[in-house]
Protein backbone atom coordinates (compact mmCIF):
# COMPACT_ATOMS: atom_id res chain seq x y z
CA PHE A 1 0.00 0.00 0.00
CA ASP A 2 1.08 3.57 -0.59
CA GLN A 3 1.39 6.02 2.29
CA CYS A 4 0.00 9.10 0.61
CA PHE A 5 0.16 11.94 3.07
CA VAL A 6 -0.12 12.78 6.76
CA LEU A 7 -2.20 15.42 8.51
CA THR A 8 -0.85 16.67 11.82
CA LYS A 9 -2.45 17.44 15.16
CA ALA A 10 -2.05 21.11 14.17
CA ASP A 11 -4.31 20.41 11.17
CA MET A 12 -6.89 18.85 13.51
CA ASN A 13 -6.71 21.70 15.98
CA THR A 14 -7.10 24.23 13.17
CA MET A 15 -10.10 22.35 11.79
CA PHE A 16 -11.83 22.28 15.19
CA GLY A 17 -10.87 25.84 16.17
CA GLN A 18 -8.41 24.80 18.89
CA PRO A 19 -5.04 26.42 19.72
CA VAL A 20 -1.96 25.05 17.93
CA THR A 21 1.42 24.44 19.59
CA GLU A 22 4.80 23.83 17.96
CA GLU A 23 4.61 20.19 19.10
CA ASP A 24 1.24 19.85 17.33
CA LYS A 25 2.93 20.65 14.01
CA GLU A 26 5.11 17.52 14.37
CA THR A 27 2.51 15.14 15.84
CA PRO A 28 0.75 12.91 13.28
CA TRP A 29 -3.05 12.97 13.38
CA ILE A 30 -4.13 10.99 10.30
CA THR A 31 -1.99 8.94 7.93
CA TYR A 32 -3.67 8.23 4.59
CA ILE A 33 -2.95 4.84 3.01
CA ARG A 34 -4.08 4.09 -0.56
CA VAL A 35 -5.37 0.52 -0.88
CA ALA A 36 -6.73 0.81 -4.44
CA PRO A 37 -7.39 3.63 -6.89
CA ASP A 38 -9.57 6.20 -5.11
CA GLN A 39 -9.82 4.03 -1.97
CA TYR A 40 -8.06 5.06 1.23
CA ILE A 41 -7.74 3.98 4.81
CA GLU A 42 -7.20 6.79 7.29
CA LEU A 43 -5.13 5.67 10.25
CA VAL A 44 -5.96 8.01 13.13
CA ASN A 45 -3.23 8.44 15.71
CA GLY A 46 -4.25 6.87 19.02
CA ALA A 47 -4.59 8.63 22.32
CA THR A 48 -1.63 9.53 24.47
CA LYS A 49 -1.48 9.01 28.23
CA ASP A 50 -2.47 12.66 28.73
CA GLU A 51 -5.16 12.82 26.07
CA PRO A 52 -8.15 10.49 25.69
CA PRO A 53 -9.39 9.29 22.28
CA THR A 54 -11.54 11.88 20.51
CA HIS A 55 -14.50 9.53 20.01
CA PRO A 56 -17.34 10.51 22.34
CA LYS A 57 -17.46 6.97 23.73
CA ASN A 58 -13.64 6.91 24.22
CA GLY A 59 -13.45 3.77 22.10
CA ALA A 60 -10.90 2.56 19.58
CA PHE A 61 -13.23 3.09 16.60
CA HIS A 62 -13.18 6.69 15.44
CA HIS A 63 -15.39 6.87 12.34
CA MET A 64 -16.21 5.43 8.93
CA ALA A 65 -16.08 7.62 5.83
CA PHE A 66 -17.81 7.21 2.49
CA THR A 67 -17.04 9.11 -0.70
CA VAL A 68 -20.18 10.11 -2.59
CA GLU A 69 -20.92 11.95 -5.83
CA ASP A 70 -23.54 14.34 -4.35
CA LEU A 71 -22.88 15.26 -0.72
CA GLU A 72 -26.02 17.30 -0.14
CA TYR A 73 -28.35 14.67 -1.59
CA THR A 74 -26.69 11.83 0.33
CA ALA A 75 -26.61 13.66 3.66
CA LYS A 76 -30.28 14.62 3.35
CA GLU A 77 -31.33 11.09 2.39
CA MET A 78 -29.40 9.60 5.32
CA ALA A 79 -30.94 12.17 7.67
CA LYS A 80 -34.44 11.29 6.36
CA ALA A 81 -33.63 7.65 7.16
CA GLY A 82 -32.89 8.60 10.77
CA ALA A 83 -29.16 9.43 10.85
CA PRO A 84 -28.96 12.98 12.31
CA LEU A 85 -26.62 15.50 10.74
CA ILE A 86 -24.08 16.78 13.31
CA HIS A 87 -21.33 19.41 13.45
CA SER A 88 -18.45 16.94 13.95
CA PRO A 89 -17.47 13.85 15.97
CA ILE A 90 -16.40 16.21 18.77
CA ASP A 91 -19.46 18.46 18.57
CA THR A 92 -22.44 16.13 18.09
CA ARG A 93 -25.10 18.83 18.34
CA PRO A 94 -27.56 18.38 15.48
CA ILE A 95 -27.53 20.90 12.65
CA PRO A 96 -30.39 21.75 10.28
CA LEU A 97 -30.61 20.36 6.76
CA GLU A 98 -31.94 23.63 5.35
CA PRO A 99 -30.04 25.52 4.29
CA PHE A 100 -27.50 22.74 3.76
CA GLU A 101 -24.00 23.72 4.83
CA CYS A 102 -21.12 21.29 4.58
CA GLY A 103 -17.71 21.45 6.15
CA ILE A 104 -14.36 21.42 4.39
CA GLY A 105 -11.89 18.85 5.70
CA GLN A 106 -8.18 19.52 6.03
CA ASP A 107 -7.80 17.24 3.00
CA LYS A 108 -9.93 19.76 1.02
CA CYS A 109 -12.93 17.40 0.69
CA ARG A 110 -16.46 18.66 1.26
CA ILE A 111 -17.75 16.79 4.32
CA ALA A 112 -20.85 16.20 6.38
CA TRP A 113 -21.10 14.22 9.61
CA LEU A 114 -23.92 11.93 10.71
CA LEU A 115 -24.50 9.55 13.59
CA ASP A 116 -25.44 5.90 13.09
CA PRO A 117 -28.10 4.32 15.35
CA GLU A 118 -25.44 3.46 17.96
CA GLY A 119 -24.05 7.00 18.02
CA ASN A 120 -20.94 6.31 15.92
CA PRO A 121 -19.86 9.19 13.67
CA ILE A 122 -20.05 8.67 9.91
CA GLU A 123 -18.26 11.03 7.57
CA VAL A 124 -19.76 11.54 4.13
CA MET A 125 -17.35 13.24 1.77
CA GLU A 126 -17.33 14.58 -1.76
CA GLN A 127 -14.16 15.26 -3.68
CA SER A 128 -13.74 18.97 -4.35
CA GLY A 129 -11.63 18.84 -7.48
CA GLU A 130 -8.57 19.80 -5.43
CA SER A 131 -8.72 17.35 -2.55
CA MET A 132 -5.45 15.82 -1.39
CA GLN A 133 -6.67 12.38 -2.52
CA GLU A 134 -7.41 13.61 -6.05
CA ILE A 135 -4.04 15.32 -6.28
CA PHE A 136 -2.29 12.16 -5.06
CA GLU A 137 -4.19 10.08 -7.64
CA ARG A 138 -3.17 12.43 -10.47
CA GLU A 139 0.47 12.53 -9.38
CA HIS A 140 0.76 8.79 -8.52
CA PRO A 141 -1.49 6.78 -10.81
CA ILE A 142 -1.55 3.03 -10.31
CA ALA A 143 -0.26 1.31 -13.45
CA ASP A 144 -2.27 -1.60 -14.84
């Protein structure tokens, strides 16, 4: 598998509006591994002794992400089926579907967050045209 790129804790803190330290700039947050064309596994750095996991249940599972063609349509359909739209895995307050507002991930994907029936966060993402995954795919195509 190809290690594609790494986001740091500073990227996470910036995304969630938290302060950034010099140490944060060197601490891995997510390592992206390509397993097939346009298919990635995100390895989220585990908790440290001073910092619990970010999942609300403090479990080992962080979230599942799905890439979709139409983020707004998919998020609204999932919400209609009973999966509430939320701000983020850290801020699980529900947000309205109208007007639809998505987030932008540090990887430059358009994202929306939902909760499954057990309260696990689900990320739904749409490539933006300039997401880090798309750039990696263009620069490192897999040969047949």
